[in-house]
Amino acid sequence: MCLERRALLERRQVGRNRVEVAFLERVGRHRPVAAGKLIVTQGACASCHAVSGTAAKGAVGPALDGIANRKIGGVADFNAANVKKWVANPSSLKPGSSMPPYALKESYLDAIAAYLATLK
């Protein structure tokens, strides 16, 4: 896949605009929870999932409130490795999952896992 197409897909999956992607690149490694919150509550995750007190109001997938105390997809223990595996390829943990896979940078997956771990 050409670099321009990959960048466009990443912007669509992660954030709404280049400013958000730039923020993730600059801050994500140092403030993974903040970067993860941006991805989950304002990126593609928010179109399907809700998180109380945020802009994420999706109703297709389950609400993410309390996800750190539940099994991921109802099948996998909550831990960073399973969160990353689930987001990247949900069907690898739960065949037939209706959640689509997301090809994200490892740092974005780390950020998502860090933020979701705060949702207890």
N, C-alpha and C. Protein backbone atom coordinates (compact mmCIF):
# COMPACT_ATOMS: atom_id res chain seq x y z
N MET A 1 0.85 -1.17 0.00
CA MET A 1 0.00 0.00 0.00
C MET A 1 0.90 1.24 0.00
N CYS A 2 0.54 2.22 -0.81
CA CYS A 2 1.36 3.42 -0.88
C CYS A 2 1.27 4.21 0.43
N LEU A 3 2.29 4.98 0.71
CA LEU A 3 2.36 5.72 1.97
C LEU A 3 1.23 6.72 2.12
N GLU A 4 0.84 7.38 1.04
CA GLU A 4 -0.24 8.36 1.13
C GLU A 4 -1.55 7.70 1.52
N ARG A 5 -1.83 6.54 0.91
CA ARG A 5 -3.08 5.82 1.23
C ARG A 5 -3.06 5.35 2.67
N ARG A 6 -1.92 4.82 3.13
CA ARG A 6 -1.81 4.36 4.51
C ARG A 6 -2.04 5.52 5.48
N ALA A 7 -1.46 6.67 5.18
CA ALA A 7 -1.63 7.84 6.04
C ALA A 7 -3.10 8.26 6.08
N LEU A 8 -3.76 8.24 4.93
CA LEU A 8 -5.17 8.60 4.88
C LEU A 8 -6.01 7.62 5.70
N LEU A 9 -5.76 6.33 5.55
CA LEU A 9 -6.50 5.33 6.32
C LEU A 9 -6.26 5.51 7.81
N GLU A 10 -5.01 5.79 8.18
CA GLU A 10 -4.69 6.00 9.58
C GLU A 10 -5.43 7.20 10.15
N ARG A 11 -5.50 8.29 9.38
CA ARG A 11 -6.23 9.47 9.85
C ARG A 11 -7.70 9.14 10.05
N ARG A 12 -8.26 8.37 9.15
CA ARG A 12 -9.68 8.01 9.27
C ARG A 12 -9.91 7.14 10.49
N GLN A 13 -9.01 6.21 10.75
CA GLN A 13 -9.20 5.27 11.84
C GLN A 13 -8.87 5.88 13.20
N VAL A 14 -7.94 6.79 13.23
CA VAL A 14 -7.45 7.31 14.50
C VAL A 14 -8.09 8.63 14.89
N GLY A 15 -8.07 9.59 14.04
CA GLY A 15 -8.55 10.92 14.40
C GLY A 15 -9.23 11.59 13.24
N ARG A 16 -9.75 12.76 13.52
CA ARG A 16 -10.52 13.46 12.50
C ARG A 16 -9.69 14.32 11.58
N ASN A 17 -8.50 14.73 12.03
CA ASN A 17 -7.73 15.63 11.18
C ASN A 17 -6.24 15.50 11.47
N ARG A 18 -5.47 16.22 10.69
CA ARG A 18 -4.01 16.14 10.82
C ARG A 18 -3.52 16.66 12.16
N VAL A 19 -4.22 17.62 12.74
CA VAL A 19 -3.82 18.15 14.04
C VAL A 19 -3.86 17.05 15.09
N GLU A 20 -4.92 16.25 15.06
CA GLU A 20 -5.03 15.16 16.03
C GLU A 20 -3.93 14.13 15.80
N VAL A 21 -3.66 13.78 14.55
CA VAL A 21 -2.61 12.82 14.25
C VAL A 21 -1.27 13.37 14.71
N ALA A 22 -1.02 14.66 14.48
CA ALA A 22 0.22 15.28 14.93
C ALA A 22 0.32 15.22 16.45
N PHE A 23 -0.78 15.46 17.14
CA PHE A 23 -0.80 15.38 18.59
C PHE A 23 -0.41 13.97 19.04
N LEU A 24 -1.00 12.98 18.41
CA LEU A 24 -0.70 11.60 18.78
C LEU A 24 0.77 11.28 18.57
N GLU A 25 1.32 11.74 17.48
CA GLU A 25 2.73 11.49 17.19
C GLU A 25 3.64 12.16 18.23
N ARG A 26 3.30 13.38 18.60
CA ARG A 26 4.14 14.17 19.50
C ARG A 26 3.98 13.75 20.96
N VAL A 27 2.75 13.53 21.37
CA VAL A 27 2.46 13.34 22.79
C VAL A 27 2.23 11.88 23.16
N GLY A 28 1.81 11.07 22.22
CA GLY A 28 1.41 9.70 22.49
C GLY A 28 2.38 8.87 23.31
N ARG A 29 3.67 8.98 23.00
CA ARG A 29 4.66 8.18 23.72
C ARG A 29 4.82 8.63 25.16
N HIS A 30 4.62 9.91 25.41
CA HIS A 30 4.84 10.47 26.74
C HIS A 30 3.56 10.51 27.58
N ARG A 31 2.43 10.59 26.90
CA ARG A 31 1.13 10.65 27.59
C ARG A 31 0.16 9.69 26.91
N PRO A 32 0.43 8.39 27.05
CA PRO A 32 -0.39 7.42 26.32
C PRO A 32 -1.87 7.43 26.69
N VAL A 33 -2.20 7.72 27.94
CA VAL A 33 -3.61 7.75 28.33
C VAL A 33 -4.33 8.88 27.60
N ALA A 34 -3.71 10.06 27.54
CA ALA A 34 -4.32 11.19 26.84
C ALA A 34 -4.47 10.90 25.35
N ALA A 35 -3.46 10.30 24.75
CA ALA A 35 -3.53 9.95 23.34
C ALA A 35 -4.61 8.89 23.11
N GLY A 36 -4.67 7.90 23.99
CA GLY A 36 -5.68 6.85 23.87
C GLY A 36 -7.08 7.40 24.02
N LYS A 37 -7.25 8.34 24.93
CA LYS A 37 -8.58 8.95 25.10
C LYS A 37 -9.00 9.66 23.82
N LEU A 38 -8.09 10.36 23.19
CA LEU A 38 -8.40 11.05 21.94
C LEU A 38 -8.82 10.04 20.87
N ILE A 39 -8.08 8.97 20.73
CA ILE A 39 -8.39 7.96 19.72
C ILE A 39 -9.76 7.33 19.99
N VAL A 40 -9.99 6.93 21.23
CA VAL A 40 -11.22 6.21 21.57
C VAL A 40 -12.44 7.11 21.54
N THR A 41 -12.32 8.32 22.06
CA THR A 41 -13.51 9.17 22.21
C THR A 41 -13.77 10.10 21.03
N GLN A 42 -12.77 10.29 20.16
CA GLN A 42 -12.97 11.19 19.02
C GLN A 42 -12.60 10.56 17.68
N GLY A 43 -12.06 9.36 17.71
CA GLY A 43 -11.69 8.68 16.48
C GLY A 43 -12.76 7.69 16.07
N ALA A 44 -12.34 6.69 15.31
CA ALA A 44 -13.27 5.71 14.77
C ALA A 44 -14.01 4.93 15.86
N CYS A 45 -13.38 4.72 17.00
CA CYS A 45 -14.02 3.96 18.10
C CYS A 45 -15.36 4.60 18.50
N ALA A 46 -15.39 5.93 18.52
CA ALA A 46 -16.57 6.67 18.99
C ALA A 46 -17.77 6.53 18.06
N SER A 47 -17.55 6.09 16.84
CA SER A 47 -18.69 5.91 15.95
C SER A 47 -19.52 4.69 16.32
N CYS A 48 -18.93 3.76 17.06
CA CYS A 48 -19.66 2.55 17.48
C CYS A 48 -19.81 2.41 18.99
N HIS A 49 -18.86 2.96 19.74
CA HIS A 49 -18.83 2.77 21.19
C HIS A 49 -19.10 4.08 21.94
N ALA A 50 -19.70 3.97 23.10
CA ALA A 50 -19.94 5.13 23.97
C ALA A 50 -19.02 5.04 25.18
N VAL A 51 -18.63 6.21 25.69
CA VAL A 51 -17.90 6.33 26.94
C VAL A 51 -18.54 7.50 27.68
N SER A 52 -19.08 7.25 28.85
CA SER A 52 -19.76 8.29 29.62
C SER A 52 -18.88 9.51 29.83
N GLY A 53 -19.47 10.68 29.72
CA GLY A 53 -18.76 11.92 29.97
C GLY A 53 -17.84 12.35 28.85
N THR A 54 -17.94 11.71 27.68
CA THR A 54 -17.10 12.07 26.54
C THR A 54 -17.97 12.27 25.31
N ALA A 55 -17.32 12.62 24.20
CA ALA A 55 -18.04 12.79 22.94
C ALA A 55 -18.39 11.45 22.29
N ALA A 56 -17.87 10.36 22.82
CA ALA A 56 -18.14 9.03 22.25
C ALA A 56 -19.55 8.60 22.63
N LYS A 57 -20.44 8.59 21.64
CA LYS A 57 -21.85 8.29 21.89
C LYS A 57 -22.36 7.16 20.99
N GLY A 58 -21.46 6.36 20.41
CA GLY A 58 -21.87 5.28 19.52
C GLY A 58 -22.78 4.29 20.21
N ALA A 59 -23.63 3.64 19.43
CA ALA A 59 -24.59 2.69 20.00
C ALA A 59 -24.56 1.34 19.29
N VAL A 60 -23.65 1.15 18.36
CA VAL A 60 -23.57 -0.11 17.62
C VAL A 60 -22.86 -1.17 18.46
N GLY A 61 -21.72 -0.80 19.04
CA GLY A 61 -20.96 -1.72 19.89
C GLY A 61 -21.28 -1.43 21.35
N PRO A 62 -20.75 -2.26 22.23
CA PRO A 62 -21.01 -2.04 23.66
C PRO A 62 -20.35 -0.76 24.19
N ALA A 63 -20.95 -0.18 25.22
CA ALA A 63 -20.32 0.96 25.89
C ALA A 63 -19.01 0.47 26.50
N LEU A 64 -18.02 1.34 26.53
CA LEU A 64 -16.71 0.95 27.04
C LEU A 64 -16.53 1.27 28.52
N ASP A 65 -17.53 1.87 29.14
CA ASP A 65 -17.44 2.13 30.59
C ASP A 65 -17.25 0.79 31.30
N GLY A 66 -16.27 0.72 32.19
CA GLY A 66 -16.03 -0.49 32.95
C GLY A 66 -15.34 -1.60 32.19
N ILE A 67 -14.85 -1.33 30.98
CA ILE A 67 -14.22 -2.37 30.17
C ILE A 67 -13.02 -3.02 30.86
N ALA A 68 -12.31 -2.26 31.68
CA ALA A 68 -11.13 -2.82 32.35
C ALA A 68 -11.50 -3.90 33.37
N ASN A 69 -12.77 -3.98 33.72
CA ASN A 69 -13.23 -5.00 34.67
C ASN A 69 -14.02 -6.11 33.98
N ARG A 70 -14.00 -6.13 32.65
CA ARG A 70 -14.75 -7.14 31.91
C ARG A 70 -13.82 -7.91 30.98
N LYS A 71 -14.37 -8.94 30.40
CA LYS A 71 -13.63 -9.67 29.36
C LYS A 71 -13.78 -8.92 28.05
N ILE A 72 -12.72 -8.86 27.29
CA ILE A 72 -12.73 -8.19 25.99
C ILE A 72 -13.52 -9.06 25.02
N GLY A 73 -14.53 -8.47 24.42
CA GLY A 73 -15.37 -9.23 23.49
C GLY A 73 -16.08 -10.39 24.15
N GLY A 74 -16.12 -10.36 25.48
CA GLY A 74 -16.76 -11.44 26.21
C GLY A 74 -15.93 -12.71 26.29
N VAL A 75 -14.70 -12.68 25.74
CA VAL A 75 -13.92 -13.92 25.66
C VAL A 75 -12.49 -13.84 26.21
N ALA A 76 -11.89 -12.68 26.24
CA ALA A 76 -10.47 -12.57 26.61
C ALA A 76 -10.29 -11.71 27.85
N ASP A 77 -9.39 -12.13 28.73
CA ASP A 77 -9.09 -11.33 29.92
C ASP A 77 -8.61 -9.95 29.49
N PHE A 78 -8.95 -8.95 30.31
CA PHE A 78 -8.52 -7.60 30.01
C PHE A 78 -7.05 -7.44 30.40
N ASN A 79 -6.22 -7.20 29.42
CA ASN A 79 -4.83 -6.82 29.62
C ASN A 79 -4.38 -6.13 28.34
N ALA A 80 -3.26 -5.43 28.40
CA ALA A 80 -2.81 -4.63 27.26
C ALA A 80 -2.62 -5.48 26.00
N ALA A 81 -2.03 -6.64 26.15
CA ALA A 81 -1.79 -7.49 24.98
C ALA A 81 -3.09 -7.90 24.31
N ASN A 82 -4.09 -8.26 25.11
CA ASN A 82 -5.38 -8.66 24.52
C ASN A 82 -6.13 -7.48 23.92
N VAL A 83 -6.03 -6.31 24.54
CA VAL A 83 -6.67 -5.12 23.96
C VAL A 83 -6.07 -4.85 22.59
N LYS A 84 -4.76 -4.87 22.50
CA LYS A 84 -4.09 -4.60 21.23
C LYS A 84 -4.46 -5.64 20.18
N LYS A 85 -4.50 -6.88 20.59
CA LYS A 85 -4.87 -7.96 19.67
C LYS A 85 -6.31 -7.79 19.20
N TRP A 86 -7.20 -7.44 20.13
CA TRP A 86 -8.62 -7.25 19.80
C TRP A 86 -8.81 -6.11 18.81
N VAL A 87 -8.21 -4.96 19.08
CA VAL A 87 -8.38 -3.80 18.20
C VAL A 87 -7.80 -4.09 16.81
N ALA A 88 -6.64 -4.71 16.77
CA ALA A 88 -5.99 -5.00 15.49
C ALA A 88 -6.74 -6.05 14.68
N ASN A 89 -7.29 -7.07 15.37
CA ASN A 89 -7.96 -8.16 14.66
C ASN A 89 -8.92 -8.88 15.60
N PRO A 90 -10.10 -8.33 15.83
CA PRO A 90 -11.05 -8.94 16.77
C PRO A 90 -11.36 -10.41 16.49
N SER A 91 -11.41 -10.78 15.24
CA SER A 91 -11.74 -12.16 14.89
C SER A 91 -10.67 -13.16 15.34
N SER A 92 -9.46 -12.67 15.65
CA SER A 92 -8.43 -13.58 16.14
C SER A 92 -8.76 -14.07 17.55
N LEU A 93 -9.53 -13.28 18.29
CA LEU A 93 -9.95 -13.69 19.63
C LEU A 93 -11.37 -14.23 19.65
N LYS A 94 -12.20 -13.69 18.76
CA LYS A 94 -13.60 -14.11 18.71
C LYS A 94 -14.02 -14.23 17.25
N PRO A 95 -13.86 -15.43 16.69
CA PRO A 95 -14.23 -15.61 15.28
C PRO A 95 -15.66 -15.14 15.02
N GLY A 96 -15.82 -14.41 13.93
CA GLY A 96 -17.13 -13.91 13.56
C GLY A 96 -17.51 -12.60 14.22
N SER A 97 -16.58 -11.99 14.95
CA SER A 97 -16.85 -10.70 15.60
C SER A 97 -17.32 -9.69 14.57
N SER A 98 -18.29 -8.87 14.95
CA SER A 98 -18.77 -7.85 14.03
C SER A 98 -17.88 -6.60 14.02
N MET A 99 -16.96 -6.50 14.97
CA MET A 99 -16.04 -5.36 14.99
C MET A 99 -15.00 -5.54 13.90
N PRO A 100 -14.78 -4.51 13.09
CA PRO A 100 -13.78 -4.61 12.02
C PRO A 100 -12.37 -4.51 12.59
N PRO A 101 -11.38 -5.04 11.88
CA PRO A 101 -9.99 -4.89 12.30
C PRO A 101 -9.49 -3.47 11.99
N TYR A 102 -8.53 -3.01 12.77
CA TYR A 102 -7.93 -1.69 12.55
C TYR A 102 -6.42 -1.84 12.47
N ALA A 103 -5.84 -1.43 11.35
CA ALA A 103 -4.40 -1.48 11.14
C ALA A 103 -3.80 -0.19 11.68
N LEU A 104 -3.43 -0.20 12.95
CA LEU A 104 -2.90 0.99 13.60
C LEU A 104 -1.44 0.78 13.99
N LYS A 105 -0.74 1.88 14.15
CA LYS A 105 0.63 1.83 14.65
C LYS A 105 0.64 1.24 16.05
N GLU A 106 1.74 0.59 16.39
CA GLU A 106 1.88 -0.01 17.72
C GLU A 106 1.70 1.03 18.82
N SER A 107 2.20 2.24 18.60
CA SER A 107 2.07 3.29 19.63
C SER A 107 0.60 3.66 19.84
N TYR A 108 -0.21 3.62 18.79
CA TYR A 108 -1.64 3.92 18.93
C TYR A 108 -2.34 2.80 19.69
N LEU A 109 -1.96 1.57 19.39
CA LEU A 109 -2.54 0.43 20.12
C LEU A 109 -2.16 0.50 21.60
N ASP A 110 -0.92 0.86 21.89
CA ASP A 110 -0.48 1.03 23.28
C ASP A 110 -1.31 2.11 23.97
N ALA A 111 -1.56 3.21 23.26
CA ALA A 111 -2.33 4.32 23.83
C ALA A 111 -3.77 3.90 24.10
N ILE A 112 -4.38 3.19 23.18
CA ILE A 112 -5.75 2.71 23.37
C ILE A 112 -5.81 1.80 24.59
N ALA A 113 -4.88 0.88 24.71
CA ALA A 113 -4.85 -0.04 25.85
C ALA A 113 -4.67 0.73 27.16
N ALA A 114 -3.80 1.75 27.15
CA ALA A 114 -3.57 2.54 28.37
C ALA A 114 -4.83 3.28 28.79
N TYR A 115 -5.54 3.88 27.83
CA TYR A 115 -6.77 4.59 28.16
C TYR A 115 -7.86 3.63 28.63
N LEU A 116 -8.07 2.54 27.92
CA LEU A 116 -9.12 1.61 28.32
C LEU A 116 -8.88 1.03 29.71
N ALA A 117 -7.61 0.90 30.09
CA ALA A 117 -7.29 0.40 31.44
C ALA A 117 -7.77 1.35 32.53
N THR A 118 -8.03 2.61 32.17
CA THR A 118 -8.52 3.57 33.18
C THR A 118 -10.04 3.49 33.33
N LEU A 119 -10.70 2.79 32.44
CA LEU A 119 -12.18 2.71 32.46
C LEU A 119 -12.62 1.53 33.30
N LYS A 120 -12.62 1.74 34.61
CA LYS A 120 -12.98 0.67 35.56
C LYS A 120 -14.35 0.83 36.11
